[in-house]
PDB file of all heavy atoms in Angstrom:
ATOM      1  N   LYS A   1       0.889  -1.212   0.036  1.00  0.00           N
ATOM      2  CA  LYS A   1      -0.017   0.004  -0.017  1.00  0.00           C
ATOM      3  C   LYS A   1       0.918   1.187   0.056  1.00  0.00           C
ATOM      4  O   LYS A   1       0.612   2.223  -0.668  1.00  0.00           O
ATOM      5  CB  LYS A   1      -0.925   0.037   1.231  1.00  0.00           C
ATOM      6  CG  LYS A   1      -1.829   1.171   1.359  1.00  0.00           C
ATOM      7  CD  LYS A   1      -2.909   1.244   0.263  1.00  0.00           C
ATOM      8  CE  LYS A   1      -3.901   2.373   0.599  1.00  0.00           C
ATOM      9  NZ  LYS A   1      -4.910   2.433  -0.564  1.00  0.00           N
ATOM     10  N   PHE A   2       1.952   1.297   0.800  1.00  0.00           N
ATOM     11  CA  PHE A   2       2.804   2.332   0.835  1.00  0.00           C
ATOM     12  C   PHE A   2       3.461   2.615  -0.525  1.00  0.00           C
ATOM     13  O   PHE A   2       3.623   3.768  -1.018  1.00  0.00           O
ATOM     14  CB  PHE A   2       3.955   2.007   1.806  1.00  0.00           C
ATOM     15  CG  PHE A   2       5.000   3.062   1.958  1.00  0.00           C
ATOM     16  CD1 PHE A   2       4.752   4.343   2.469  1.00  0.00           C
ATOM     17  CD2 PHE A   2       6.435   2.785   1.660  1.00  0.00           C
ATOM     18  CE1 PHE A   2       5.671   5.313   2.604  1.00  0.00           C
ATOM     19  CE2 PHE A   2       7.358   3.732   1.733  1.00  0.00           C
ATOM     20  CZ  PHE A   2       6.975   5.082   2.229  1.00  0.00           C
ATOM     21  N   GLU A   3       3.995   1.558  -1.220  1.00  0.00           N
ATOM     22  CA  GLU A   3       4.566   1.708  -2.493  1.00  0.00           C
ATOM     23  C   GLU A   3       3.519   2.160  -3.547  1.00  0.00           C
ATOM     24  O   GLU A   3       3.925   2.955  -4.536  1.00  0.00           O
ATOM     25  CB  GLU A   3       5.294   0.511  -2.985  1.00  0.00           C
ATOM     26  CG  GLU A   3       6.516   0.210  -2.110  1.00  0.00           C
ATOM     27  CD  GLU A   3       7.494  -0.740  -2.686  1.00  0.00           C
ATOM     28  OE1 GLU A   3       7.365  -1.208  -3.876  1.00  0.00           O
ATOM     29  OE2 GLU A   3       8.454  -1.063  -1.957  1.00  0.00           O
ATOM     30  N   ASP A   4       2.304   1.734  -3.481  1.00  0.00           N
ATOM     31  CA  ASP A   4       1.247   2.247  -4.337  1.00  0.00           C
ATOM     32  C   ASP A   4       1.088   3.708  -4.164  1.00  0.00           C
ATOM     33  O   ASP A   4       0.967   4.405  -5.244  1.00  0.00           O
ATOM     34  CB  ASP A   4      -0.064   1.570  -3.968  1.00  0.00           C
ATOM     35  CG  ASP A   4      -0.189   0.146  -4.456  1.00  0.00           C
ATOM     36  OD1 ASP A   4       0.661  -0.272  -5.320  1.00  0.00           O
ATOM     37  OD2 ASP A   4      -1.059  -0.613  -3.998  1.00  0.00           O
ATOM     38  N   ILE A   5       1.163   4.235  -2.985  1.00  0.00           N
ATOM     39  CA  ILE A   5       1.041   5.684  -2.708  1.00  0.00           C
ATOM     40  C   ILE A   5       2.261   6.474  -3.351  1.00  0.00           C
ATOM     41  O   ILE A   5       2.082   7.584  -3.853  1.00  0.00           O
ATOM     42  CB  ILE A   5       0.915   5.924  -1.233  1.00  0.00           C
ATOM     43  CG1 ILE A   5      -0.418   5.461  -0.708  1.00  0.00           C
ATOM     44  CG2 ILE A   5       1.088   7.466  -0.905  1.00  0.00           C
ATOM     45  CD1 ILE A   5      -0.582   5.574   0.820  1.00  0.00           C
ATOM     46  N   LEU A   6       3.445   5.824  -3.242  1.00  0.00           N
ATOM     47  CA  LEU A   6       4.633   6.490  -3.818  1.00  0.00           C
ATOM     48  C   LEU A   6       4.529   6.725  -5.342  1.00  0.00           C
ATOM     49  O   LEU A   6       5.101   7.633  -5.868  1.00  0.00           O
ATOM     50  CB  LEU A   6       5.864   5.618  -3.528  1.00  0.00           C
ATOM     51  CG  LEU A   6       6.307   5.529  -2.065  1.00  0.00           C
ATOM     52  CD1 LEU A   6       7.547   4.658  -1.911  1.00  0.00           C
ATOM     53  CD2 LEU A   6       6.523   6.858  -1.466  1.00  0.00           C
ATOM     54  N   GLU A   7       3.575   5.934  -5.909  1.00  0.00           N
ATOM     55  CA  GLU A   7       3.468   6.117  -7.351  1.00  0.00           C
ATOM     56  C   GLU A   7       2.624   7.331  -7.684  1.00  0.00           C
ATOM     57  O   GLU A   7       2.738   7.919  -8.797  1.00  0.00           O
ATOM     58  CB  GLU A   7       2.737   4.922  -7.968  1.00  0.00           C
ATOM     59  CG  GLU A   7       3.440   3.665  -7.900  1.00  0.00           C
ATOM     60  CD  GLU A   7       4.534   3.569  -8.974  1.00  0.00           C
ATOM     61  OE1 GLU A   7       4.670   4.437  -9.875  1.00  0.00           O
ATOM     62  OE2 GLU A   7       5.395   2.611  -8.914  1.00  0.00           O
ATOM     63  N   ASN A   8       1.969   7.937  -6.737  1.00  0.00           N
ATOM     64  CA  ASN A   8       1.038   9.096  -7.000  1.00  0.00           C
ATOM     65  C   ASN A   8       1.304  10.358  -6.156  1.00  0.00           C
ATOM     66  O   ASN A   8       0.399  11.318  -6.131  1.00  0.00           O
ATOM     67  CB  ASN A   8      -0.336   8.583  -6.819  1.00  0.00           C
ATOM     68  CG  ASN A   8      -0.747   7.440  -7.773  1.00  0.00           C
ATOM     69  OD1 ASN A   8      -0.879   7.752  -8.977  1.00  0.00           O
ATOM     70  ND2 ASN A   8      -0.986   6.275  -7.267  1.00  0.00           N
ATOM     71  N   VAL A   9       2.394  10.412  -5.442  1.00  0.00           N
ATOM     72  CA  VAL A   9       2.641  11.518  -4.607  1.00  0.00           C
ATOM     73  C   VAL A   9       4.150  11.955  -4.898  1.00  0.00           C
ATOM     74  O   VAL A   9       4.887  11.063  -5.493  1.00  0.00           O
ATOM     75  CB  VAL A   9       2.540  11.335  -3.167  1.00  0.00           C
ATOM     76  CG1 VAL A   9       1.097  10.991  -2.860  1.00  0.00           C
ATOM     77  CG2 VAL A   9       3.531  10.231  -2.608  1.00  0.00           C
ATOM     78  N   GLU A  10       4.504  13.136  -4.586  1.00  0.00           N
ATOM     79  CA  GLU A  10       5.835  13.559  -4.876  1.00  0.00           C
ATOM     80  C   GLU A  10       6.710  13.221  -3.534  1.00  0.00           C
ATOM     81  O   GLU A  10       6.292  13.427  -2.406  1.00  0.00           O
ATOM     82  CB  GLU A  10       5.961  15.054  -5.037  1.00  0.00           C
ATOM     83  CG  GLU A  10       5.352  15.447  -6.434  1.00  0.00           C
ATOM     84  CD  GLU A  10       5.756  16.835  -6.863  1.00  0.00           C
ATOM     85  OE1 GLU A  10       6.617  17.464  -6.124  1.00  0.00           O
ATOM     86  OE2 GLU A  10       5.254  17.279  -7.865  1.00  0.00           O
ATOM     87  N   CYS A  11       7.823  12.710  -3.835  1.00  0.00           N
ATOM     88  CA  CYS A  11       8.905  12.403  -2.750  1.00  0.00           C
ATOM     89  C   CYS A  11      10.170  12.507  -3.223  1.00  0.00           C
ATOM     90  O   CYS A  11      10.583  12.001  -4.147  1.00  0.00           O
ATOM     91  CB  CYS A  11       8.596  10.902  -2.221  1.00  0.00           C
ATOM     92  SG  CYS A  11       9.727  10.471  -0.912  1.00  0.00           S
ATOM     93  N   ASP A  12      10.984  13.466  -2.592  1.00  0.00           N
ATOM     94  CA  ASP A  12      12.317  13.618  -2.896  1.00  0.00           C
ATOM     95  C   ASP A  12      13.196  12.720  -2.177  1.00  0.00           C
ATOM     96  O   ASP A  12      13.808  13.083  -1.148  1.00  0.00           O
ATOM     97  CB  ASP A  12      12.733  15.065  -2.616  1.00  0.00           C
ATOM     98  CG  ASP A  12      13.991  15.580  -3.477  1.00  0.00           C
ATOM     99  OD1 ASP A  12      14.626  14.712  -4.050  1.00  0.00           O
ATOM    100  OD2 ASP A  12      14.159  16.753  -3.578  1.00  0.00           O
ATOM    101  N   PHE A  13      13.432  11.482  -2.742  1.00  0.00           N
ATOM    102  CA  PHE A  13      14.052  10.414  -2.015  1.00  0.00           C
ATOM    103  C   PHE A  13      15.522  10.740  -1.589  1.00  0.00           C
ATOM    104  O   PHE A  13      15.981  10.185  -0.694  1.00  0.00           O
ATOM    105  CB  PHE A  13      14.074   9.176  -2.860  1.00  0.00           C
ATOM    106  CG  PHE A  13      12.741   8.633  -3.139  1.00  0.00           C
ATOM    107  CD1 PHE A  13      12.126   8.897  -4.308  1.00  0.00           C
ATOM    108  CD2 PHE A  13      12.029   7.793  -2.288  1.00  0.00           C
ATOM    109  CE1 PHE A  13      10.825   8.369  -4.635  1.00  0.00           C
ATOM    110  CE2 PHE A  13      10.841   7.321  -2.504  1.00  0.00           C
ATOM    111  CZ  PHE A  13      10.235   7.613  -3.755  1.00  0.00           C
ATOM    112  N   TRP A  14      16.152  11.648  -2.300  1.00  0.00           N
ATOM    113  CA  TRP A  14      17.601  11.908  -2.046  1.00  0.00           C
ATOM    114  C   TRP A  14      17.831  13.012  -0.963  1.00  0.00           C
ATOM    115  O   TRP A  14      18.974  13.269  -0.642  1.00  0.00           O
ATOM    116  CB  TRP A  14      18.204  12.506  -3.403  1.00  0.00           C
ATOM    117  CG  TRP A  14      17.594  11.976  -4.564  1.00  0.00           C
ATOM    118  CD1 TRP A  14      17.071  12.570  -5.590  1.00  0.00           C
ATOM    119  CD2 TRP A  14      17.463  10.546  -5.097  1.00  0.00           C
ATOM    120  NE1 TRP A  14      16.522  11.824  -6.688  1.00  0.00           N
ATOM    121  CE2 TRP A  14      16.900  10.480  -6.345  1.00  0.00           C
ATOM    122  CE3 TRP A  14      17.869   9.315  -4.459  1.00  0.00           C
ATOM    123  CZ2 TRP A  14      16.502   9.341  -7.012  1.00  0.00           C
ATOM    124  CZ3 TRP A  14      17.558   8.131  -5.194  1.00  0.00           C
ATOM    125  CH2 TRP A  14      16.993   8.086  -6.419  1.00  0.00           C
ATOM    126  N   ASP A  15      16.795  13.531  -0.516  1.00  0.00           N
ATOM    127  CA  ASP A  15      17.020  14.678   0.396  1.00  0.00           C
ATOM    128  C   ASP A  15      16.692  14.256   1.874  1.00  0.00           C
ATOM    129  O   ASP A  15      15.582  13.790   2.243  1.00  0.00           O
ATOM    130  CB  ASP A  15      15.838  15.722  -0.031  1.00  0.00           C
ATOM    131  CG  ASP A  15      16.069  17.144   0.806  1.00  0.00           C
ATOM    132  OD1 ASP A  15      16.931  17.142   1.738  1.00  0.00           O
ATOM    133  OD2 ASP A  15      15.312  18.022   0.499  1.00  0.00           O
ATOM    134  N   LEU A  16      17.779  14.475   2.715  1.00  0.00           N
ATOM    135  CA  LEU A  16      17.572  14.065   4.105  1.00  0.00           C
ATOM    136  C   LEU A  16      16.684  15.025   4.910  1.00  0.00           C
ATOM    137  O   LEU A  16      16.457  14.704   5.987  1.00  0.00           O
ATOM    138  CB  LEU A  16      18.999  14.003   4.776  1.00  0.00           C
ATOM    139  CG  LEU A  16      19.887  12.790   4.337  1.00  0.00           C
ATOM    140  CD1 LEU A  16      21.157  12.800   5.134  1.00  0.00           C
ATOM    141  CD2 LEU A  16      19.155  11.490   4.497  1.00  0.00           C
ATOM    142  N   LYS A  17      16.267  16.102   4.262  1.00  0.00           N
ATOM    143  CA  LYS A  17      15.389  17.053   4.979  1.00  0.00           C
ATOM    144  C   LYS A  17      14.083  17.238   4.026  1.00  0.00           C
ATOM    145  O   LYS A  17      13.502  18.221   4.071  1.00  0.00           O
ATOM    146  CB  LYS A  17      16.146  18.410   5.084  1.00  0.00           C
ATOM    147  CG  LYS A  17      17.318  18.292   6.005  1.00  0.00           C
ATOM    148  CD  LYS A  17      18.007  19.666   6.137  1.00  0.00           C
ATOM    149  CE  LYS A  17      19.233  19.477   7.091  1.00  0.00           C
ATOM    150  NZ  LYS A  17      19.906  20.806   7.283  1.00  0.00           N
ATOM    151  N   ARG A  18      13.742  16.160   3.389  1.00  0.00           N
ATOM    152  CA  ARG A  18      12.472  16.180   2.593  1.00  0.00           C
ATOM    153  C   ARG A  18      11.280  16.457   3.440  1.00  0.00           C
ATOM    154  O   ARG A  18      11.283  16.175   4.559  1.00  0.00           O
ATOM    155  CB  ARG A  18      12.401  14.961   1.693  1.00  0.00           C
ATOM    156  CG  ARG A  18      12.194  13.697   2.533  1.00  0.00           C
ATOM    157  CD  ARG A  18      11.800  12.535   1.637  1.00  0.00           C
ATOM    158  NE  ARG A  18      11.698  11.256   2.386  1.00  0.00           N
ATOM    159  CZ  ARG A  18      10.628  10.765   2.984  1.00  0.00           C
ATOM    160  NH1 ARG A  18       9.538  11.627   3.051  1.00  0.00           N
ATOM    161  NH2 ARG A  18      10.623   9.653   3.652  1.00  0.00           N
ATOM    162  N   GLU A  19      10.186  16.767   2.683  1.00  0.00           N
ATOM    163  CA  GLU A  19       8.971  16.889   3.418  1.00  0.00           C
ATOM    164  C   GLU A  19       8.335  15.443   3.583  1.00  0.00           C
ATOM    165  O   GLU A  19       8.772  14.567   2.819  1.00  0.00           O
ATOM    166  CB  GLU A  19       7.963  17.648   2.448  1.00  0.00           C
ATOM    167  CG  GLU A  19       8.298  19.145   2.334  1.00  0.00           C
ATOM    168  CD  GLU A  19       7.289  19.971   1.604  1.00  0.00           C
ATOM    169  OE1 GLU A  19       6.210  19.491   1.305  1.00  0.00           O
ATOM    170  OE2 GLU A  19       7.522  21.221   1.358  1.00  0.00           O
ATOM    171  N   LYS A  20       7.510  15.352   4.489  1.00  0.00           N
ATOM    172  CA  LYS A  20       6.864  14.043   4.755  1.00  0.00           C
ATOM    173  C   LYS A  20       6.032  13.751   3.661  1.00  0.00           C
ATOM    174  O   LYS A  20       5.371  14.572   3.041  1.00  0.00           O
ATOM    175  CB  LYS A  20       6.158  13.982   6.086  1.00  0.00           C
ATOM    176  CG  LYS A  20       7.091  14.218   7.379  1.00  0.00           C
ATOM    177  CD  LYS A  20       6.223  14.301   8.623  1.00  0.00           C
ATOM    178  CE  LYS A  20       7.244  14.621   9.695  1.00  0.00           C
ATOM    179  NZ  LYS A  20       6.526  14.807  11.063  1.00  0.00           N
ATOM    180  N   ILE A  21       5.842  12.354   3.281  1.00  0.00           N
ATOM    181  CA  ILE A  21       4.971  11.875   2.221  1.00  0.00           C
ATOM    182  C   ILE A  21       3.487  12.190   2.672  1.00  0.00           C
ATOM    183  O   ILE A  21       3.154  11.834   3.748  1.00  0.00           O
ATOM    184  CB  ILE A  21       5.163  10.473   1.877  1.00  0.00           C
ATOM    185  CG1 ILE A  21       6.707  10.244   1.324  1.00  0.00           C
ATOM    186  CG2 ILE A  21       4.191  10.004   0.853  1.00  0.00           C
ATOM    187  CD1 ILE A  21       7.058   8.942   1.309  1.00  0.00           C
ATOM    188  N   ASP A  22       2.679  12.725   1.746  1.00  0.00           N
ATOM    189  CA  ASP A  22       1.259  12.836   1.974  1.00  0.00           C
ATOM    190  C   ASP A  22       0.639  11.527   1.774  1.00  0.00           C
ATOM    191  O   ASP A  22       0.374  11.148   0.636  1.00  0.00           O
ATOM    192  CB  ASP A  22       0.653  13.892   1.070  1.00  0.00           C
ATOM    193  CG  ASP A  22      -0.844  14.215   1.337  1.00  0.00           C
ATOM    194  OD1 ASP A  22      -1.390  13.381   2.185  1.00  0.00           O
ATOM    195  OD2 ASP A  22      -1.321  15.121   0.863  1.00  0.00           O
ATOM    196  N   LEU A  23       0.415  10.745   2.911  1.00  0.00           N
ATOM    197  CA  LEU A  23       0.008   9.305   2.707  1.00  0.00           C
ATOM    198  C   LEU A  23      -1.539   9.145   2.422  1.00  0.00           C
ATOM    199  O   LEU A  23      -1.934   8.068   2.146  1.00  0.00           O
ATOM    200  CB  LEU A  23       0.299   8.625   4.066  1.00  0.00           C
ATOM    201  CG  LEU A  23       1.857   8.574   4.436  1.00  0.00           C
ATOM    202  CD1 LEU A  23       1.969   8.082   5.828  1.00  0.00           C
ATOM    203  CD2 LEU A  23       2.489   7.598   3.450  1.00  0.00           C
ATOM    204  N   TYR A  24      -2.192  10.365   2.480  1.00  0.00           N
ATOM    205  CA  TYR A  24      -3.634  10.185   2.108  1.00  0.00           C
ATOM    206  C   TYR A  24      -4.155  10.985   0.931  1.00  0.00           C
ATOM    207  O   TYR A  24      -5.243  11.237   0.720  1.00  0.00           O
ATOM    208  CB  TYR A  24      -4.477  10.645   3.459  1.00  0.00           C
ATOM    209  CG  TYR A  24      -4.108   9.696   4.554  1.00  0.00           C
ATOM    210  CD1 TYR A  24      -3.150  10.152   5.553  1.00  0.00           C
ATOM    211  CD2 TYR A  24      -4.687   8.428   4.744  1.00  0.00           C
ATOM    212  CE1 TYR A  24      -2.871   9.295   6.529  1.00  0.00           C
ATOM    213  CE2 TYR A  24      -4.377   7.606   5.799  1.00  0.00           C
ATOM    214  CZ  TYR A  24      -3.367   8.024   6.696  1.00  0.00           C
ATOM    215  OH  TYR A  24      -3.057   7.184   7.742  1.00  0.00           O
ATOM    216  N   LYS A  25      -3.090  11.420   0.110  1.00  0.00           N
ATOM    217  CA  LYS A  25      -3.399  12.134  -1.017  1.00  0.00           C
ATOM    218  C   LYS A  25      -3.735  11.199  -2.134  1.00  0.00           C
ATOM    219  O   LYS A  25      -3.230  10.059  -2.273  1.00  0.00           O
ATOM    220  CB  LYS A  25      -2.104  13.021  -1.525  1.00  0.00           C
ATOM    221  CG  LYS A  25      -2.297  13.904  -2.765  1.00  0.00           C
ATOM    222  CD  LYS A  25      -1.136  14.638  -3.003  1.00  0.00           C
ATOM    223  CE  LYS A  25      -1.256  15.484  -4.217  1.00  0.00           C
ATOM    224  NZ  LYS A  25      -0.119  16.359  -4.540  1.00  0.00           N
ATOM    225  N   ARG A  26      -4.713  11.617  -3.039  1.00  0.00           N
ATOM    226  CA  ARG A  26      -5.093  10.782  -4.145  1.00  0.00           C
ATOM    227  C   ARG A  26      -4.824  11.554  -5.308  1.00  0.00           C
ATOM    228  O   ARG A  26      -5.129  12.708  -5.467  1.00  0.00           O
ATOM    229  CB  ARG A  26      -6.595  10.417  -4.063  1.00  0.00           C
ATOM    230  CG  ARG A  26      -6.967   9.511  -2.875  1.00  0.00           C
ATOM    231  CD  ARG A  26      -6.311   8.156  -3.043  1.00  0.00           C
ATOM    232  NE  ARG A  26      -6.560   7.294  -1.952  1.00  0.00           N
ATOM    233  CZ  ARG A  26      -5.793   7.191  -0.836  1.00  0.00           C
ATOM    234  NH1 ARG A  26      -4.626   7.836  -0.835  1.00  0.00           N
ATOM    235  NH2 ARG A  26      -6.101   6.486   0.183  1.00  0.00           N
ATOM    236  N   GLY A  27      -4.330  10.799  -6.402  1.00  0.00           N
ATOM    237  CA  GLY A  27      -4.138  11.454  -7.639  1.00  0.00           C
ATOM    238  C   GLY A  27      -2.727  12.155  -7.639  1.00  0.00           C
ATOM    239  O   GLY A  27      -1.880  11.921  -6.686  1.00  0.00           O
ATOM    240  N   GLY A  28      -2.395  13.067  -8.589  1.00  0.00           N
ATOM    241  CA  GLY A  28      -1.178  13.694  -8.651  1.00  0.00           C
ATOM    242  C   GLY A  28      -0.141  12.829  -9.355  1.00  0.00           C
ATOM    243  O   GLY A  28      -0.396  11.786  -9.703  1.00  0.00           O
ATOM    244  N   SER A  29       1.028  13.398  -9.586  1.00  0.00           N
ATOM    245  CA  SER A  29       2.193  12.661 -10.143  1.00  0.00           C
ATOM    246  C   SER A  29       3.470  13.145  -9.661  1.00  0.00           C
ATOM    247  O   SER A  29       3.637  14.257  -9.080  1.00  0.00           O
ATOM    248  CB  SER A  29       2.036  12.892 -11.680  1.00  0.00           C
ATOM    249  OG  SER A  29       2.208  14.299 -11.997  1.00  0.00           O
ATOM    250  N   HIS A  30       4.456  12.344  -9.902  1.00  0.00           N
ATOM    251  CA  HIS A  30       5.858  12.673  -9.479  1.00  0.00           C
ATOM    252  C   HIS A  30       6.461  13.535 -10.419  1.00  0.00           C
ATOM    253  O   HIS A  30       6.138  13.714 -11.598  1.00  0.00           O
ATOM    254  CB  HIS A  30       6.726  11.389  -9.510  1.00  0.00           C
ATOM    255  CG  HIS A  30       6.462  10.549  -8.294  1.00  0.00           C
ATOM    256  ND1 HIS A  30       6.813  10.846  -7.057  1.00  0.00           N
ATOM    257  CD2 HIS A  30       5.850   9.424  -8.203  1.00  0.00           C
ATOM    258  CE1 HIS A  30       6.558   9.865  -6.198  1.00  0.00           C
ATOM    259  NE2 HIS A  30       5.816   8.964  -6.873  1.00  0.00           N
ATOM    260  N   ASN A  31       7.479  14.381  -9.938  1.00  0.00           N
ATOM    261  CA  ASN A  31       8.468  15.038 -10.734  1.00  0.00           C
ATOM    262  C   ASN A  31       9.250  13.935 -11.494  1.00  0.00           C
ATOM    263  O   ASN A  31       9.445  12.866 -10.904  1.00  0.00           O
ATOM    264  CB  ASN A  31       9.425  15.785  -9.864  1.00  0.00           C
ATOM    265  CG  ASN A  31      10.473  16.570 -10.714  1.00  0.00           C
ATOM    266  OD1 ASN A  31      11.382  15.833 -11.190  1.00  0.00           O
ATOM    267  ND2 ASN A  31      10.352  17.846 -10.698  1.00  0.00           N
ATOM    268  N   GLY A  32       9.658  14.138 -12.701  1.00  0.00           N
ATOM    269  CA  GLY A  32      10.309  13.097 -13.490  1.00  0.00           C
ATOM    270  C   GLY A  32      11.523  12.603 -12.825  1.00  0.00           C
ATOM    271  O   GLY A  32      11.905  11.490 -13.082  1.00  0.00           O
ATOM    272  N   ASN A  33      12.284  13.472 -12.031  1.00  0.00           N
ATOM    273  CA  ASN A  33      13.415  12.959 -11.389  1.00  0.00           C
ATOM    274  C   ASN A  33      13.123  12.182 -10.076  1.00  0.00           C
ATOM    275  O   ASN A  33      14.133  11.696  -9.480  1.00  0.00           O
ATOM    276  CB  ASN A  33      14.318  14.297 -10.970  1.00  0.00           C
ATOM    277  CG  ASN A  33      14.866  14.829 -12.156  1.00  0.00           C
ATOM    278  OD1 ASN A  33      15.011  14.283 -13.300  1.00  0.00           O
ATOM    279  ND2 ASN A  33      15.348  16.105 -12.021  1.00  0.00           N
TER     280      ASN A  33
END
């Protein structure tokens, strides 16, 4: 379920100070990077 959500929200995986993932957001898309 967590990985399903990662497909539809933005997450800057490389950033140690990234924002928390919006776990209840629906729709949307990632930045290409």
